[in-house]
Amino acid sequence: MDTKVSKIRKNARLEARVTVEQKQLMERAAYLRGQNLTEFMVAVLADAARQIIKDREFIELTDRDRAIFADALLNPLAPSETAYADAQWYKQVMNK
């Protein structure tokens, strides 16, 4: 176990009502991971929470980026004078 995490004072509390079968299942899984039930529940819930947040933020980012990309394709900006000059320079250098 990470000693840095174990030294952090934990003041928040979570409680959950579960069936006997659910508790037995979680206890067995915790045992197989070498953790007590509390350690197991905190680790699994934290991992799941991080993944859900990551997935949700990725989906929102993708939707926003898709709209920006489509707009750029449908309404392209004209190249700047600098970009045009750079393109001309590139053509000259590459054609030699």
PDB file of N, CA and C in Angstrom:
ATOM      1  N   MET A   1       0.841  -1.179   0.000  1.00  0.00           N
ATOM      2  CA  MET A   1       0.000   0.000   0.000  1.00  0.00           C
ATOM      3  C   MET A   1       0.882   1.236   0.000  1.00  0.00           C
ATOM      4  N   ASP A   2       0.483   2.271  -0.691  1.00  0.00           N
ATOM      5  CA  ASP A   2       1.232   3.512  -0.793  1.00  0.00           C
ATOM      6  C   ASP A   2       1.242   4.207   0.564  1.00  0.00           C
ATOM      7  N   THR A   3       2.432   4.433   1.129  1.00  0.00           N
ATOM      8  CA  THR A   3       2.522   5.040   2.447  1.00  0.00           C
ATOM      9  C   THR A   3       2.067   6.487   2.440  1.00  0.00           C
ATOM     10  N   LYS A   4       2.230   7.174   1.318  1.00  0.00           N
ATOM     11  CA  LYS A   4       1.788   8.558   1.214  1.00  0.00           C
ATOM     12  C   LYS A   4       0.277   8.646   1.437  1.00  0.00           C
ATOM     13  N   VAL A   5      -0.477   7.722   0.838  1.00  0.00           N
ATOM     14  CA  VAL A   5      -1.922   7.714   0.975  1.00  0.00           C
ATOM     15  C   VAL A   5      -2.321   7.358   2.400  1.00  0.00           C
ATOM     16  N   SER A   6      -1.625   6.417   3.033  1.00  0.00           N
ATOM     17  CA  SER A   6      -2.013   5.970   4.359  1.00  0.00           C
ATOM     18  C   SER A   6      -1.794   7.039   5.421  1.00  0.00           C
ATOM     19  N   LYS A   7      -0.919   8.036   5.166  1.00  0.00           N
ATOM     20  CA  LYS A   7      -0.654   9.090   6.136  1.00  0.00           C
ATOM     21  C   LYS A   7      -1.650  10.239   6.039  1.00  0.00           C
ATOM     22  N   ILE A   8      -2.450  10.282   4.997  1.00  0.00           N
ATOM     23  CA  ILE A   8      -3.448  11.336   4.831  1.00  0.00           C
ATOM     24  C   ILE A   8      -4.581  11.089   5.811  1.00  0.00           C
ATOM     25  N   ARG A   9      -4.960  12.133   6.546  1.00  0.00           N
ATOM     26  CA  ARG A   9      -6.055  12.008   7.515  1.00  0.00           C
ATOM     27  C   ARG A   9      -7.374  11.910   6.755  1.00  0.00           C
ATOM     28  N   LYS A  10      -8.116  10.901   7.057  1.00  0.00           N
ATOM     29  CA  LYS A  10      -9.375  10.644   6.361  1.00  0.00           C
ATOM     30  C   LYS A  10     -10.530  11.002   7.283  1.00  0.00           C
ATOM     31  N   ASN A  11     -11.226  12.088   6.961  1.00  0.00           N
ATOM     32  CA  ASN A  11     -12.318  12.570   7.796  1.00  0.00           C
ATOM     33  C   ASN A  11     -13.698  12.282   7.211  1.00  0.00           C
ATOM     34  N   ALA A  12     -13.787  12.054   5.912  1.00  0.00           N
ATOM     35  CA  ALA A  12     -15.083  11.811   5.272  1.00  0.00           C
ATOM     36  C   ALA A  12     -15.470  10.352   5.456  1.00  0.00           C
ATOM     37  N   ARG A  13     -16.757  10.107   5.456  1.00  0.00           N
ATOM     38  CA  ARG A  13     -17.244   8.748   5.697  1.00  0.00           C
ATOM     39  C   ARG A  13     -18.304   8.389   4.655  1.00  0.00           C
ATOM     40  N   LEU A  14     -18.266   7.149   4.200  1.00  0.00           N
ATOM     41  CA  LEU A  14     -19.271   6.613   3.288  1.00  0.00           C
ATOM     42  C   LEU A  14     -19.914   5.390   3.948  1.00  0.00           C
ATOM     43  N   GLU A  15     -21.184   5.239   3.744  1.00  0.00           N
ATOM     44  CA  GLU A  15     -21.876   4.050   4.226  1.00  0.00           C
ATOM     45  C   GLU A  15     -22.768   3.541   3.105  1.00  0.00           C
ATOM     46  N   ALA A  16     -22.968   2.241   3.085  1.00  0.00           N
ATOM     47  CA  ALA A  16     -23.842   1.661   2.064  1.00  0.00           C
ATOM     48  C   ALA A  16     -24.558   0.447   2.637  1.00  0.00           C
ATOM     49  N   ARG A  17     -25.795   0.297   2.295  1.00  0.00           N
ATOM     50  CA  ARG A  17     -26.560  -0.895   2.661  1.00  0.00           C
ATOM     51  C   ARG A  17     -26.497  -1.841   1.467  1.00  0.00           C
ATOM     52  N   VAL A  18     -26.087  -3.081   1.732  1.00  0.00           N
ATOM     53  CA  VAL A  18     -25.985  -4.093   0.681  1.00  0.00           C
ATOM     54  C   VAL A  18     -26.618  -5.381   1.174  1.00  0.00           C
ATOM     55  N   THR A  19     -26.866  -6.269   0.231  1.00  0.00           N
ATOM     56  CA  THR A  19     -27.387  -7.581   0.623  1.00  0.00           C
ATOM     57  C   THR A  19     -26.254  -8.419   1.209  1.00  0.00           C
ATOM     58  N   VAL A  20     -26.611  -9.472   1.883  1.00  0.00           N
ATOM     59  CA  VAL A  20     -25.616 -10.392   2.441  1.00  0.00           C
ATOM     60  C   VAL A  20     -24.761 -10.959   1.310  1.00  0.00           C
ATOM     61  N   GLU A  21     -25.394 -11.295   0.204  1.00  0.00           N
ATOM     62  CA  GLU A  21     -24.672 -11.861  -0.935  1.00  0.00           C
ATOM     63  C   GLU A  21     -23.679 -10.860  -1.516  1.00  0.00           C
ATOM     64  N   GLN A  22     -24.084  -9.603  -1.627  1.00  0.00           N
ATOM     65  CA  GLN A  22     -23.182  -8.576  -2.152  1.00  0.00           C
ATOM     66  C   GLN A  22     -21.980  -8.392  -1.229  1.00  0.00           C
ATOM     67  N   LYS A  23     -22.241  -8.381   0.074  1.00  0.00           N
ATOM     68  CA  LYS A  23     -21.142  -8.211   1.025  1.00  0.00           C
ATOM     69  C   LYS A  23     -20.179  -9.387   0.951  1.00  0.00           C
ATOM     70  N   GLN A  24     -20.706 -10.585   0.876  1.00  0.00           N
ATOM     71  CA  GLN A  24     -19.852 -11.776   0.775  1.00  0.00           C
ATOM     72  C   GLN A  24     -19.021 -11.738  -0.509  1.00  0.00           C
ATOM     73  N   LEU A  25     -19.627 -11.317  -1.586  1.00  0.00           N
ATOM     74  CA  LEU A  25     -18.920 -11.198  -2.865  1.00  0.00           C
ATOM     75  C   LEU A  25     -17.777 -10.195  -2.757  1.00  0.00           C
ATOM     76  N   MET A  26     -18.060  -9.034  -2.185  1.00  0.00           N
ATOM     77  CA  MET A  26     -17.038  -7.998  -2.045  1.00  0.00           C
ATOM     78  C   MET A  26     -15.937  -8.439  -1.081  1.00  0.00           C
ATOM     79  N   GLU A  27     -16.302  -9.123  -0.006  1.00  0.00           N
ATOM     80  CA  GLU A  27     -15.294  -9.616   0.935  1.00  0.00           C
ATOM     81  C   GLU A  27     -14.379 -10.627   0.255  1.00  0.00           C
ATOM     82  N   ARG A  28     -14.951 -11.479  -0.564  1.00  0.00           N
ATOM     83  CA  ARG A  28     -14.136 -12.470  -1.269  1.00  0.00           C
ATOM     84  C   ARG A  28     -13.173 -11.787  -2.241  1.00  0.00           C
ATOM     85  N   ALA A  29     -13.678 -10.820  -2.985  1.00  0.00           N
ATOM     86  CA  ALA A  29     -12.822 -10.090  -3.929  1.00  0.00           C
ATOM     87  C   ALA A  29     -11.721  -9.337  -3.186  1.00  0.00           C
ATOM     88  N   ALA A  30     -12.069  -8.724  -2.065  1.00  0.00           N
ATOM     89  CA  ALA A  30     -11.075  -8.009  -1.265  1.00  0.00           C
ATOM     90  C   ALA A  30     -10.002  -8.966  -0.776  1.00  0.00           C
ATOM     91  N   TYR A  31     -10.415 -10.120  -0.307  1.00  0.00           N
ATOM     92  CA  TYR A  31      -9.465 -11.125   0.172  1.00  0.00           C
ATOM     93  C   TYR A  31      -8.509 -11.533  -0.952  1.00  0.00           C
ATOM     94  N   LEU A  32      -9.056 -11.728  -2.144  1.00  0.00           N
ATOM     95  CA  LEU A  32      -8.235 -12.142  -3.279  1.00  0.00           C
ATOM     96  C   LEU A  32      -7.241 -11.055  -3.689  1.00  0.00           C
ATOM     97  N   ARG A  33      -7.544  -9.812  -3.392  1.00  0.00           N
ATOM     98  CA  ARG A  33      -6.626  -8.706  -3.684  1.00  0.00           C
ATOM     99  C   ARG A  33      -5.712  -8.395  -2.508  1.00  0.00           C
ATOM    100  N   GLY A  34      -5.882  -9.113  -1.419  1.00  0.00           N
ATOM    101  CA  GLY A  34      -5.051  -8.873  -0.247  1.00  0.00           C
ATOM    102  C   GLY A  34      -5.409  -7.594   0.485  1.00  0.00           C
ATOM    103  N   GLN A  35      -6.674  -7.226   0.449  1.00  0.00           N
ATOM    104  CA  GLN A  35      -7.138  -5.993   1.083  1.00  0.00           C
ATOM    105  C   GLN A  35      -8.269  -6.324   2.048  1.00  0.00           C
ATOM    106  N   ASN A  36      -8.474  -5.415   3.011  1.00  0.00           N
ATOM    107  CA  ASN A  36      -9.683  -5.574   3.808  1.00  0.00           C
ATOM    108  C   ASN A  36     -10.837  -4.963   3.018  1.00  0.00           C
ATOM    109  N   LEU A  37     -12.045  -5.130   3.499  1.00  0.00           N
ATOM    110  CA  LEU A  37     -13.218  -4.696   2.742  1.00  0.00           C
ATOM    111  C   LEU A  37     -13.205  -3.187   2.506  1.00  0.00           C
ATOM    112  N   THR A  38     -12.828  -2.411   3.502  1.00  0.00           N
ATOM    113  CA  THR A  38     -12.797  -0.952   3.343  1.00  0.00           C
ATOM    114  C   THR A  38     -11.775  -0.542   2.286  1.00  0.00           C
ATOM    115  N   GLU A  39     -10.576  -1.090   2.369  1.00  0.00           N
ATOM    116  CA  GLU A  39      -9.547  -0.761   1.374  1.00  0.00           C
ATOM    117  C   GLU A  39     -10.012  -1.124  -0.031  1.00  0.00           C
ATOM    118  N   PHE A  40     -10.617  -2.290  -0.150  1.00  0.00           N
ATOM    119  CA  PHE A  40     -11.112  -2.752  -1.446  1.00  0.00           C
ATOM    120  C   PHE A  40     -12.181  -1.807  -1.991  1.00  0.00           C
ATOM    121  N   MET A  41     -13.160  -1.477  -1.153  1.00  0.00           N
ATOM    122  CA  MET A  41     -14.262  -0.625  -1.615  1.00  0.00           C
ATOM    123  C   MET A  41     -13.760   0.757  -2.027  1.00  0.00           C
ATOM    124  N   VAL A  42     -12.866   1.332  -1.224  1.00  0.00           N
ATOM    125  CA  VAL A  42     -12.344   2.664  -1.550  1.00  0.00           C
ATOM    126  C   VAL A  42     -11.559   2.613  -2.854  1.00  0.00           C
ATOM    127  N   ALA A  43     -10.704   1.605  -3.014  1.00  0.00           N
ATOM    128  CA  ALA A  43      -9.890   1.498  -4.234  1.00  0.00           C
ATOM    129  C   ALA A  43     -10.766   1.296  -5.464  1.00  0.00           C
ATOM    130  N   VAL A  44     -11.724   0.391  -5.387  1.00  0.00           N
ATOM    131  CA  VAL A  44     -12.575   0.090  -6.541  1.00  0.00           C
ATOM    132  C   VAL A  44     -13.466   1.281  -6.884  1.00  0.00           C
ATOM    133  N   LEU A  45     -14.043   1.908  -5.881  1.00  0.00           N
ATOM    134  CA  LEU A  45     -14.898   3.070  -6.143  1.00  0.00           C
ATOM    135  C   LEU A  45     -14.091   4.237  -6.722  1.00  0.00           C
ATOM    136  N   ALA A  46     -12.902   4.476  -6.196  1.00  0.00           N
ATOM    137  CA  ALA A  46     -12.067   5.564  -6.719  1.00  0.00           C
ATOM    138  C   ALA A  46     -11.673   5.297  -8.173  1.00  0.00           C
ATOM    139  N   ASP A  47     -11.282   4.051  -8.471  1.00  0.00           N
ATOM    140  CA  ASP A  47     -10.932   3.697  -9.860  1.00  0.00           C
ATOM    141  C   ASP A  47     -12.123   3.881 -10.787  1.00  0.00           C
ATOM    142  N   ALA A  48     -13.290   3.413 -10.351  1.00  0.00           N
ATOM    143  CA  ALA A  48     -14.491   3.541 -11.175  1.00  0.00           C
ATOM    144  C   ALA A  48     -14.854   5.010 -11.376  1.00  0.00           C
ATOM    145  N   ALA A  49     -14.762   5.804 -10.323  1.00  0.00           N
ATOM    146  CA  ALA A  49     -15.083   7.232 -10.433  1.00  0.00           C
ATOM    147  C   ALA A  49     -14.148   7.933 -11.408  1.00  0.00           C
ATOM    148  N   ARG A  50     -12.842   7.650 -11.298  1.00  0.00           N
ATOM    149  CA  ARG A  50     -11.884   8.261 -12.223  1.00  0.00           C
ATOM    150  C   ARG A  50     -12.192   7.873 -13.671  1.00  0.00           C
ATOM    151  N   GLN A  51     -12.510   6.608 -13.903  1.00  0.00           N
ATOM    152  CA  GLN A  51     -12.788   6.147 -15.263  1.00  0.00           C
ATOM    153  C   GLN A  51     -14.058   6.785 -15.821  1.00  0.00           C
ATOM    154  N   ILE A  52     -15.098   6.875 -15.007  1.00  0.00           N
ATOM    155  CA  ILE A  52     -16.351   7.492 -15.452  1.00  0.00           C
ATOM    156  C   ILE A  52     -16.124   8.948 -15.814  1.00  0.00           C
ATOM    157  N   ILE A  53     -15.391   9.678 -14.976  1.00  0.00           N
ATOM    158  CA  ILE A  53     -15.102  11.085 -15.249  1.00  0.00           C
ATOM    159  C   ILE A  53     -14.269  11.216 -16.515  1.00  0.00           C
ATOM    160  N   LYS A  54     -13.253  10.379 -16.657  1.00  0.00           N
ATOM    161  CA  LYS A  54     -12.398  10.409 -17.850  1.00  0.00           C
ATOM    162  C   LYS A  54     -13.222  10.147 -19.112  1.00  0.00           C
ATOM    163  N   ASP A  55     -14.077   9.125 -19.073  1.00  0.00           N
ATOM    164  CA  ASP A  55     -14.908   8.793 -20.232  1.00  0.00           C
ATOM    165  C   ASP A  55     -15.863   9.929 -20.569  1.00  0.00           C
ATOM    166  N   ARG A  56     -16.461  10.515 -19.560  1.00  0.00           N
ATOM    167  CA  ARG A  56     -17.433  11.581 -19.785  1.00  0.00           C
ATOM    168  C   ARG A  56     -16.749  12.828 -20.358  1.00  0.00           C
ATOM    169  N   GLU A  57     -15.598  13.188 -19.806  1.00  0.00           N
ATOM    170  CA  GLU A  57     -14.885  14.354 -20.315  1.00  0.00           C
ATOM    171  C   GLU A  57     -14.399  14.116 -21.731  1.00  0.00           C
ATOM    172  N   PHE A  58     -13.992  12.905 -22.049  1.00  0.00           N
ATOM    173  CA  PHE A  58     -13.543  12.581 -23.398  1.00  0.00           C
ATOM    174  C   PHE A  58     -14.693  12.724 -24.386  1.00  0.00           C
ATOM    175  N   ILE A  59     -15.871  12.253 -24.014  1.00  0.00           N
ATOM    176  CA  ILE A  59     -17.035  12.342 -24.898  1.00  0.00           C
ATOM    177  C   ILE A  59     -17.394  13.803 -25.135  1.00  0.00           C
ATOM    178  N   GLU A  60     -17.396  14.619 -24.086  1.00  0.00           N
ATOM    179  CA  GLU A  60     -17.721  16.030 -24.254  1.00  0.00           C
ATOM    180  C   GLU A  60     -16.677  16.726 -25.112  1.00  0.00           C
ATOM    181  N   LEU A  61     -15.427  16.426 -24.894  1.00  0.00           N
ATOM    182  CA  LEU A  61     -14.354  17.010 -25.691  1.00  0.00           C
ATOM    183  C   LEU A  61     -14.499  16.606 -27.150  1.00  0.00           C
ATOM    184  N   THR A  62     -14.804  15.346 -27.397  1.00  0.00           N
ATOM    185  CA  THR A  62     -14.965  14.859 -28.759  1.00  0.00           C
ATOM    186  C   THR A  62     -16.116  15.559 -29.459  1.00  0.00           C
ATOM    187  N   ASP A  63     -17.234  15.734 -28.796  1.00  0.00           N
ATOM    188  CA  ASP A  63     -18.381  16.412 -29.400  1.00  0.00           C
ATOM    189  C   ASP A  63     -18.038  17.861 -29.745  1.00  0.00           C
ATOM    190  N   ARG A  64     -17.377  18.543 -28.836  1.00  0.00           N
ATOM    191  CA  ARG A  64     -17.005  19.936 -29.077  1.00  0.00           C
ATOM    192  C   ARG A  64     -16.003  20.017 -30.222  1.00  0.00           C
ATOM    193  N   ASP A  65     -15.003  19.145 -30.195  1.00  0.00           N
ATOM    194  CA  ASP A  65     -13.987  19.167 -31.245  1.00  0.00           C
ATOM    195  C   ASP A  65     -14.574  18.818 -32.604  1.00  0.00           C
ATOM    196  N   ARG A  66     -15.539  17.912 -32.622  1.00  0.00           N
ATOM    197  CA  ARG A  66     -16.182  17.534 -33.882  1.00  0.00           C
ATOM    198  C   ARG A  66     -16.864  18.750 -34.502  1.00  0.00           C
ATOM    199  N   ALA A  67     -17.534  19.545 -33.701  1.00  0.00           N
ATOM    200  CA  ALA A  67     -18.221  20.739 -34.203  1.00  0.00           C
ATOM    201  C   ALA A  67     -17.217  21.765 -34.715  1.00  0.00           C
ATOM    202  N   ILE A  68     -16.136  21.967 -33.985  1.00  0.00           N
ATOM    203  CA  ILE A  68     -15.100  22.917 -34.414  1.00  0.00           C
ATOM    204  C   ILE A  68     -14.449  22.451 -35.709  1.00  0.00           C
ATOM    205  N   PHE A  69     -14.151  21.160 -35.798  1.00  0.00           N
ATOM    206  CA  PHE A  69     -13.520  20.601 -36.993  1.00  0.00           C
ATOM    207  C   PHE A  69     -14.441  20.736 -38.206  1.00  0.00           C
ATOM    208  N   ALA A  70     -15.719  20.395 -38.029  1.00  0.00           N
ATOM    209  CA  ALA A  70     -16.671  20.500 -39.135  1.00  0.00           C
ATOM    210  C   ALA A  70     -16.797  21.953 -39.600  1.00  0.00           C
ATOM    211  N   ASP A  71     -16.830  22.877 -38.665  1.00  0.00           N
ATOM    212  CA  ASP A  71     -16.924  24.292 -39.018  1.00  0.00           C
ATOM    213  C   ASP A  71     -15.689  24.736 -39.800  1.00  0.00           C
ATOM    214  N   ALA A  72     -14.516  24.264 -39.387  1.00  0.00           N
ATOM    215  CA  ALA A  72     -13.277  24.626 -40.090  1.00  0.00           C
ATOM    216  C   ALA A  72     -13.276  24.073 -41.517  1.00  0.00           C
ATOM    217  N   LEU A  73     -13.839  22.881 -41.701  1.00  0.00           N
ATOM    218  CA  LEU A  73     -13.908  22.313 -43.052  1.00  0.00           C
ATOM    219  C   LEU A  73     -14.921  23.040 -43.926  1.00  0.00           C
ATOM    220  N   LEU A  74     -16.057  23.385 -43.340  1.00  0.00           N
ATOM    221  CA  LEU A  74     -17.119  24.021 -44.112  1.00  0.00           C
ATOM    222  C   LEU A  74     -16.870  25.510 -44.342  1.00  0.00           C
ATOM    223  N   ASN A  75     -16.112  26.139 -43.458  1.00  0.00           N
ATOM    224  CA  ASN A  75     -15.840  27.575 -43.554  1.00  0.00           C
ATOM    225  C   ASN A  75     -14.348  27.839 -43.370  1.00  0.00           C
ATOM    226  N   PRO A  76     -13.526  27.386 -44.325  1.00  0.00           N
ATOM    227  CA  PRO A  76     -12.072  27.552 -44.135  1.00  0.00           C
ATOM    228  C   PRO A  76     -11.660  29.015 -44.216  1.00  0.00           C
ATOM    229  N   LEU A  77     -10.642  29.346 -43.413  1.00  0.00           N
ATOM    230  CA  LEU A  77     -10.077  30.686 -43.469  1.00  0.00           C
ATOM    231  C   LEU A  77      -9.092  30.755 -44.630  1.00  0.00           C
ATOM    232  N   ALA A  78      -8.977  31.924 -45.227  1.00  0.00           N
ATOM    233  CA  ALA A  78      -7.982  32.123 -46.288  1.00  0.00           C
ATOM    234  C   ALA A  78      -6.602  32.132 -45.639  1.00  0.00           C
ATOM    235  N   PRO A  79      -5.600  31.602 -46.333  1.00  0.00           N
ATOM    236  CA  PRO A  79      -4.254  31.620 -45.738  1.00  0.00           C
ATOM    237  C   PRO A  79      -3.752  33.052 -45.588  1.00  0.00           C
ATOM    238  N   SER A  80      -2.981  33.268 -44.542  1.00  0.00           N
ATOM    239  CA  SER A  80      -2.393  34.595 -44.321  1.00  0.00           C
ATOM    240  C   SER A  80      -1.280  34.823 -45.348  1.00  0.00           C
ATOM    241  N   GLU A  81      -0.829  36.052 -45.425  1.00  0.00           N
ATOM    242  CA  GLU A  81       0.263  36.362 -46.355  1.00  0.00           C
ATOM    243  C   GLU A  81       1.522  35.588 -45.984  1.00  0.00           C
ATOM    244  N   THR A  82       1.768  35.457 -44.697  1.00  0.00           N
ATOM    245  CA  THR A  82       2.946  34.720 -44.226  1.00  0.00           C
ATOM    246  C   THR A  82       2.834  33.240 -44.608  1.00  0.00           C
ATOM    247  N   ALA A  83       1.666  32.673 -44.426  1.00  0.00           N
ATOM    248  CA  ALA A  83       1.472  31.269 -44.785  1.00  0.00           C
ATOM    249  C   ALA A  83       1.645  31.075 -46.288  1.00  0.00           C
ATOM    250  N   TYR A  84       1.118  31.992 -47.067  1.00  0.00           N
ATOM    251  CA  TYR A  84       1.259  31.907 -48.521  1.00  0.00           C
ATOM    252  C   TYR A  84       2.734  31.999 -48.918  1.00  0.00           C
ATOM    253  N   ALA A  85       3.473  32.940 -48.334  1.00  0.00           N
ATOM    254  CA  ALA A  85       4.900  33.099 -48.635  1.00  0.00           C
ATOM    255  C   ALA A  85       5.676  31.849 -48.223  1.00  0.00           C
ATOM    256  N   ASP A  86       5.342  31.288 -47.083  1.00  0.00           N
ATOM    257  CA  ASP A  86       6.005  30.065 -46.631  1.00  0.00           C
ATOM    258  C   ASP A  86       5.734  28.904 -47.577  1.00  0.00           C
ATOM    259  N   ALA A  87       4.519  28.823 -48.082  1.00  0.00           N
ATOM    260  CA  ALA A  87       4.175  27.757 -49.026  1.00  0.00           C
ATOM    261  C   ALA A  87       4.959  27.916 -50.332  1.00  0.00           C
ATOM    262  N   GLN A  88       5.106  29.143 -50.789  1.00  0.00           N
ATOM    263  CA  GLN A  88       5.878  29.400 -52.007  1.00  0.00           C
ATOM    264  C   GLN A  88       7.338  29.019 -51.798  1.00  0.00           C
ATOM    265  N   TRP A  89       7.901  29.394 -50.654  1.00  0.00           N
ATOM    266  CA  TRP A  89       9.283  29.034 -50.325  1.00  0.00           C
ATOM    267  C   TRP A  89       9.449  27.519 -50.292  1.00  0.00           C
ATOM    268  N   TYR A  90       8.518  26.828 -49.679  1.00  0.00           N
ATOM    269  CA  TYR A  90       8.573  25.370 -49.582  1.00  0.00           C
ATOM    270  C   TYR A  90       8.551  24.735 -50.970  1.00  0.00           C
ATOM    271  N   LYS A  91       7.686  25.212 -51.831  1.00  0.00           N
ATOM    272  CA  LYS A  91       7.597  24.689 -53.198  1.00  0.00           C
ATOM    273  C   LYS A  91       8.927  24.870 -53.928  1.00  0.00           C
ATOM    274  N   GLN A  92       9.544  26.031 -53.774  1.00  0.00           N
ATOM    275  CA  GLN A  92      10.821  26.291 -54.446  1.00  0.00           C
ATOM    276  C   GLN A  92      11.909  25.361 -53.922  1.00  0.00           C
ATOM    277  N   VAL A  93      11.964  25.201 -52.613  1.00  0.00           N
ATOM    278  CA  VAL A  93      13.008  24.356 -52.016  1.00  0.00           C
ATOM    279  C   VAL A  93      12.799  22.901 -52.399  1.00  0.00           C
ATOM    280  N   MET A  94      11.610  22.438 -52.414  1.00  0.00           N
ATOM    281  CA  MET A  94      11.329  21.014 -52.671  1.00  0.00           C
ATOM    282  C   MET A  94      11.421  20.660 -54.145  1.00  0.00           C
ATOM    283  N   ASN A  95      11.241  21.615 -55.030  1.00  0.00           N
ATOM    284  CA  ASN A  95      11.301  21.342 -56.470  1.00  0.00           C
ATOM    285  C   ASN A  95      12.724  21.306 -56.996  1.00  0.00           C
ATOM    286  N   LYS A  96      13.732  21.727 -56.211  1.00  0.00           N
ATOM    287  CA  LYS A  96      15.122  21.738 -56.684  1.00  0.00           C
ATOM    288  C   LYS A  96      15.731  20.382 -56.605  1.00  0.00           C
TER     289      LYS A  96
END
